[in-house]
Amino acid sequence: MKLEKPDYIDLYPYLSPKEIKEEYGSYAYSERHIQRLYKLWGLVPQDVMYKSLFDASYAIADLEQDECEWRGTFAYTLASMGQDAKQLVTKRLRAKEDHYR
């Protein structure tokens, strides 16, 4: 049983392909294969997406926060969203395992 497209989409851009492989082991495709899937699905590399998200969010951020302070807020928010995505994917994976037992 492998992770499926919705799982990879939910983990993007919070976890890199390498982190996905490390987190989910044999349930995940190889790092290179995940990169190819993301490219096939029209998703940009994680670092490009992070920069785009940061630039867009900073443009609408509180005017009283400087860029350095906003970077911390941004990083914390992404990490929190990444944890939520991992919990969702892990829950789905466990449900599939239970179904096939």
N, C-alpha and C. Protein backbone atom coordinates (compact mmCIF):
# COMPACT_ATOMS: atom_id res chain seq x y z
N MET A 1 0.84 -1.17 0.00
CA MET A 1 0.00 0.00 0.00
C MET A 1 0.89 1.24 0.00
N LYS A 2 0.61 2.16 -0.90
CA LYS A 2 1.40 3.39 -1.05
C LYS A 2 0.52 4.60 -0.77
N LEU A 3 1.19 5.70 -0.47
CA LEU A 3 0.48 6.97 -0.41
C LEU A 3 -0.10 7.24 -1.79
N GLU A 4 -1.21 7.95 -1.84
CA GLU A 4 -1.87 8.25 -3.11
C GLU A 4 -1.79 9.75 -3.41
N LYS A 5 -2.23 10.12 -4.59
CA LYS A 5 -2.12 11.51 -5.02
C LYS A 5 -2.67 12.50 -3.98
N PRO A 6 -3.85 12.28 -3.40
CA PRO A 6 -4.35 13.25 -2.41
C PRO A 6 -3.40 13.41 -1.21
N ASP A 7 -2.70 12.33 -0.86
CA ASP A 7 -1.76 12.39 0.25
C ASP A 7 -0.57 13.29 -0.10
N TYR A 8 -0.02 13.08 -1.29
CA TYR A 8 1.11 13.90 -1.72
C TYR A 8 0.71 15.37 -1.87
N ILE A 9 -0.49 15.61 -2.36
CA ILE A 9 -0.98 16.98 -2.52
C ILE A 9 -1.14 17.63 -1.15
N ASP A 10 -1.68 16.90 -0.19
CA ASP A 10 -1.86 17.45 1.16
C ASP A 10 -0.52 17.77 1.83
N LEU A 11 0.51 17.00 1.54
CA LEU A 11 1.82 17.22 2.15
C LEU A 11 2.63 18.32 1.47
N TYR A 12 2.23 18.68 0.27
CA TYR A 12 2.92 19.73 -0.49
C TYR A 12 2.42 21.09 -0.05
N PRO A 13 3.24 22.07 0.17
CA PRO A 13 4.70 22.13 0.14
C PRO A 13 5.33 21.98 1.52
N TYR A 14 4.57 21.46 2.48
CA TYR A 14 5.05 21.43 3.86
C TYR A 14 6.22 20.48 4.08
N LEU A 15 6.21 19.35 3.41
CA LEU A 15 7.31 18.39 3.50
C LEU A 15 7.96 18.25 2.14
N SER A 16 9.27 18.19 2.14
CA SER A 16 10.00 17.96 0.89
C SER A 16 9.85 16.49 0.51
N PRO A 17 10.12 16.14 -0.74
CA PRO A 17 10.07 14.73 -1.12
C PRO A 17 10.96 13.85 -0.22
N LYS A 18 12.11 14.37 0.16
CA LYS A 18 13.01 13.62 1.05
C LYS A 18 12.35 13.40 2.41
N GLU A 19 11.72 14.44 2.96
CA GLU A 19 11.06 14.33 4.26
C GLU A 19 9.87 13.37 4.19
N ILE A 20 9.15 13.38 3.06
CA ILE A 20 8.03 12.46 2.89
C ILE A 20 8.53 11.02 2.93
N LYS A 21 9.61 10.76 2.19
CA LYS A 21 10.17 9.41 2.16
C LYS A 21 10.65 8.98 3.55
N GLU A 22 11.29 9.91 4.27
CA GLU A 22 11.77 9.59 5.62
C GLU A 22 10.60 9.35 6.58
N GLU A 23 9.56 10.15 6.46
CA GLU A 23 8.41 10.06 7.38
C GLU A 23 7.58 8.80 7.12
N TYR A 24 7.37 8.46 5.85
CA TYR A 24 6.44 7.38 5.51
C TYR A 24 7.11 6.12 4.99
N GLY A 25 8.42 6.12 4.86
CA GLY A 25 9.17 4.92 4.51
C GLY A 25 8.63 4.19 3.30
N SER A 26 8.33 2.91 3.48
CA SER A 26 7.91 2.07 2.35
C SER A 26 6.53 2.44 1.81
N TYR A 27 5.79 3.26 2.54
CA TYR A 27 4.48 3.70 2.04
C TYR A 27 4.62 4.79 0.98
N ALA A 28 5.79 5.42 0.91
CA ALA A 28 6.02 6.53 -0.02
C ALA A 28 6.89 6.07 -1.19
N TYR A 29 6.70 6.74 -2.31
CA TYR A 29 7.59 6.52 -3.45
C TYR A 29 8.96 7.11 -3.12
N SER A 30 9.93 6.86 -3.97
CA SER A 30 11.26 7.41 -3.77
C SER A 30 11.22 8.93 -3.90
N GLU A 31 12.21 9.57 -3.34
CA GLU A 31 12.31 11.03 -3.41
C GLU A 31 12.24 11.52 -4.85
N ARG A 32 12.99 10.90 -5.72
CA ARG A 32 13.01 11.29 -7.14
C ARG A 32 11.65 11.10 -7.79
N HIS A 33 10.98 10.00 -7.47
CA HIS A 33 9.67 9.73 -8.05
C HIS A 33 8.65 10.78 -7.59
N ILE A 34 8.72 11.16 -6.32
CA ILE A 34 7.82 12.19 -5.81
C ILE A 34 8.07 13.51 -6.54
N GLN A 35 9.33 13.84 -6.76
CA GLN A 35 9.67 15.07 -7.51
C GLN A 35 9.06 15.03 -8.91
N ARG A 36 9.17 13.87 -9.57
CA ARG A 36 8.60 13.74 -10.91
C ARG A 36 7.08 13.87 -10.89
N LEU A 37 6.44 13.29 -9.87
CA LEU A 37 4.99 13.41 -9.75
C LEU A 37 4.59 14.87 -9.58
N TYR A 38 5.27 15.59 -8.71
CA TYR A 38 4.96 17.00 -8.50
C TYR A 38 5.11 17.79 -9.79
N LYS A 39 6.15 17.49 -10.53
CA LYS A 39 6.36 18.18 -11.81
C LYS A 39 5.24 17.83 -12.79
N LEU A 40 4.87 16.56 -12.85
CA LEU A 40 3.80 16.10 -13.73
C LEU A 40 2.48 16.79 -13.37
N TRP A 41 2.24 17.02 -12.08
CA TRP A 41 1.01 17.66 -11.62
C TRP A 41 1.08 19.18 -11.69
N GLY A 42 2.19 19.70 -12.20
CA GLY A 42 2.32 21.15 -12.38
C GLY A 42 2.68 21.91 -11.12
N LEU A 43 3.23 21.22 -10.12
CA LEU A 43 3.61 21.88 -8.88
C LEU A 43 5.08 22.31 -8.94
N VAL A 44 5.35 23.51 -8.50
CA VAL A 44 6.72 24.02 -8.52
C VAL A 44 7.51 23.43 -7.35
N PRO A 45 8.84 23.47 -7.42
CA PRO A 45 9.64 22.97 -6.30
C PRO A 45 9.30 23.69 -4.99
N GLN A 46 9.52 22.98 -3.89
CA GLN A 46 9.14 23.48 -2.57
C GLN A 46 9.74 24.86 -2.27
N ASP A 47 11.01 25.07 -2.57
CA ASP A 47 11.63 26.36 -2.25
C ASP A 47 11.01 27.51 -3.04
N VAL A 48 10.64 27.25 -4.28
CA VAL A 48 9.98 28.26 -5.10
C VAL A 48 8.60 28.59 -4.53
N MET A 49 7.88 27.55 -4.10
CA MET A 49 6.56 27.76 -3.52
C MET A 49 6.66 28.53 -2.20
N TYR A 50 7.64 28.18 -1.36
CA TYR A 50 7.83 28.91 -0.10
C TYR A 50 8.05 30.40 -0.36
N LYS A 51 8.92 30.71 -1.32
CA LYS A 51 9.21 32.12 -1.62
C LYS A 51 7.95 32.82 -2.12
N SER A 52 7.21 32.17 -2.98
CA SER A 52 5.99 32.75 -3.51
C SER A 52 4.97 32.99 -2.40
N LEU A 53 4.79 32.00 -1.52
CA LEU A 53 3.86 32.14 -0.40
C LEU A 53 4.30 33.25 0.54
N PHE A 54 5.61 33.30 0.83
CA PHE A 54 6.10 34.34 1.73
C PHE A 54 5.88 35.72 1.13
N ASP A 55 6.25 35.89 -0.13
CA ASP A 55 6.09 37.19 -0.78
C ASP A 55 4.63 37.63 -0.78
N ALA A 56 3.74 36.72 -1.10
CA ALA A 56 2.31 37.06 -1.15
C ALA A 56 1.78 37.37 0.25
N SER A 57 2.21 36.59 1.24
CA SER A 57 1.69 36.81 2.60
C SER A 57 2.28 38.07 3.22
N TYR A 58 3.54 38.36 2.92
CA TYR A 58 4.16 39.58 3.47
C TYR A 58 3.53 40.83 2.89
N ALA A 59 3.08 40.73 1.66
CA ALA A 59 2.43 41.88 1.02
C ALA A 59 1.14 42.26 1.73
N ILE A 60 0.51 41.31 2.40
CA ILE A 60 -0.75 41.61 3.09
C ILE A 60 -0.61 41.53 4.61
N ALA A 61 0.63 41.39 5.09
CA ALA A 61 0.89 41.25 6.53
C ALA A 61 0.63 42.56 7.26
N ASP A 62 0.56 42.44 8.57
CA ASP A 62 0.40 43.60 9.43
C ASP A 62 1.54 44.58 9.17
N LEU A 63 1.21 45.81 8.91
CA LEU A 63 2.23 46.82 8.58
C LEU A 63 3.18 47.11 9.74
N GLU A 64 2.80 46.73 10.94
CA GLU A 64 3.66 47.00 12.09
C GLU A 64 4.70 45.92 12.31
N GLN A 65 4.63 44.83 11.57
CA GLN A 65 5.63 43.76 11.68
C GLN A 65 6.70 43.97 10.61
N ASP A 66 7.97 43.91 11.03
CA ASP A 66 9.02 44.00 10.03
C ASP A 66 9.20 42.63 9.36
N GLU A 67 10.00 42.60 8.32
CA GLU A 67 10.15 41.36 7.55
C GLU A 67 10.71 40.21 8.38
N CYS A 68 11.66 40.49 9.24
CA CYS A 68 12.26 39.45 10.07
C CYS A 68 11.22 38.83 11.01
N GLU A 69 10.42 39.68 11.63
CA GLU A 69 9.37 39.20 12.53
C GLU A 69 8.34 38.38 11.75
N TRP A 70 8.01 38.85 10.55
CA TRP A 70 7.04 38.13 9.73
C TRP A 70 7.57 36.77 9.30
N ARG A 71 8.87 36.69 9.02
CA ARG A 71 9.46 35.39 8.65
C ARG A 71 9.24 34.36 9.75
N GLY A 72 9.41 34.78 11.00
CA GLY A 72 9.18 33.88 12.12
C GLY A 72 7.73 33.42 12.20
N THR A 73 6.82 34.37 12.04
CA THR A 73 5.39 34.05 12.05
C THR A 73 5.05 33.10 10.91
N PHE A 74 5.59 33.41 9.73
CA PHE A 74 5.36 32.60 8.53
C PHE A 74 5.87 31.18 8.73
N ALA A 75 7.10 31.04 9.23
CA ALA A 75 7.69 29.71 9.45
C ALA A 75 6.88 28.91 10.46
N TYR A 76 6.47 29.56 11.53
CA TYR A 76 5.66 28.89 12.55
C TYR A 76 4.33 28.40 11.96
N THR A 77 3.69 29.26 11.18
CA THR A 77 2.40 28.91 10.57
C THR A 77 2.55 27.73 9.61
N LEU A 78 3.59 27.78 8.77
CA LEU A 78 3.80 26.66 7.83
C LEU A 78 4.10 25.36 8.58
N ALA A 79 4.89 25.44 9.64
CA ALA A 79 5.20 24.23 10.41
C ALA A 79 3.93 23.65 11.03
N SER A 80 3.08 24.51 11.54
CA SER A 80 1.82 24.07 12.12
C SER A 80 0.91 23.43 11.06
N MET A 81 0.83 24.05 9.91
CA MET A 81 0.03 23.50 8.82
C MET A 81 0.61 22.17 8.35
N GLY A 82 1.93 22.06 8.35
CA GLY A 82 2.59 20.81 7.97
C GLY A 82 2.26 19.69 8.93
N GLN A 83 2.23 20.00 10.22
CA GLN A 83 1.86 18.99 11.22
C GLN A 83 0.42 18.53 11.00
N ASP A 84 -0.47 19.48 10.71
CA ASP A 84 -1.86 19.13 10.43
C ASP A 84 -1.97 18.21 9.22
N ALA A 85 -1.19 18.53 8.17
CA ALA A 85 -1.22 17.72 6.95
C ALA A 85 -0.70 16.31 7.23
N LYS A 86 0.38 16.20 8.02
CA LYS A 86 0.92 14.88 8.36
C LYS A 86 -0.10 14.07 9.15
N GLN A 87 -0.79 14.70 10.08
CA GLN A 87 -1.80 13.98 10.87
C GLN A 87 -2.93 13.49 9.97
N LEU A 88 -3.36 14.32 9.03
CA LEU A 88 -4.43 13.94 8.11
C LEU A 88 -4.01 12.74 7.25
N VAL A 89 -2.81 12.80 6.69
CA VAL A 89 -2.33 11.73 5.82
C VAL A 89 -2.11 10.45 6.63
N THR A 90 -1.56 10.57 7.82
CA THR A 90 -1.34 9.40 8.67
C THR A 90 -2.67 8.75 9.06
N LYS A 91 -3.64 9.56 9.38
CA LYS A 91 -4.97 9.05 9.73
C LYS A 91 -5.59 8.30 8.54
N ARG A 92 -5.47 8.87 7.34
CA ARG A 92 -5.99 8.23 6.14
C ARG A 92 -5.27 6.90 5.88
N LEU A 93 -3.97 6.90 6.05
CA LEU A 93 -3.16 5.70 5.82
C LEU A 93 -3.56 4.59 6.81
N ARG A 94 -3.74 4.95 8.06
CA ARG A 94 -4.15 3.96 9.07
C ARG A 94 -5.54 3.42 8.77
N ALA A 95 -6.44 4.27 8.31
CA ALA A 95 -7.79 3.82 7.96
C ALA A 95 -7.73 2.81 6.82
N LYS A 96 -6.87 3.07 5.83
CA LYS A 96 -6.72 2.12 4.71
C LYS A 96 -6.15 0.80 5.20
N GLU A 97 -5.15 0.88 6.09
CA GLU A 97 -4.57 -0.35 6.64
C GLU A 97 -5.62 -1.16 7.39
N ASP A 98 -6.40 -0.48 8.21
CA ASP A 98 -7.45 -1.17 8.98
C ASP A 98 -8.48 -1.80 8.06
N HIS A 99 -8.81 -1.12 6.99
CA HIS A 99 -9.80 -1.62 6.04
C HIS A 99 -9.33 -2.91 5.37
N TYR A 100 -8.05 -3.01 5.09
CA TYR A 100 -7.52 -4.17 4.38
C TYR A 100 -7.02 -5.28 5.29
N ARG A 101 -7.18 -5.14 6.58
CA ARG A 101 -6.75 -6.21 7.50
C ARG A 101 -7.76 -7.30 7.58
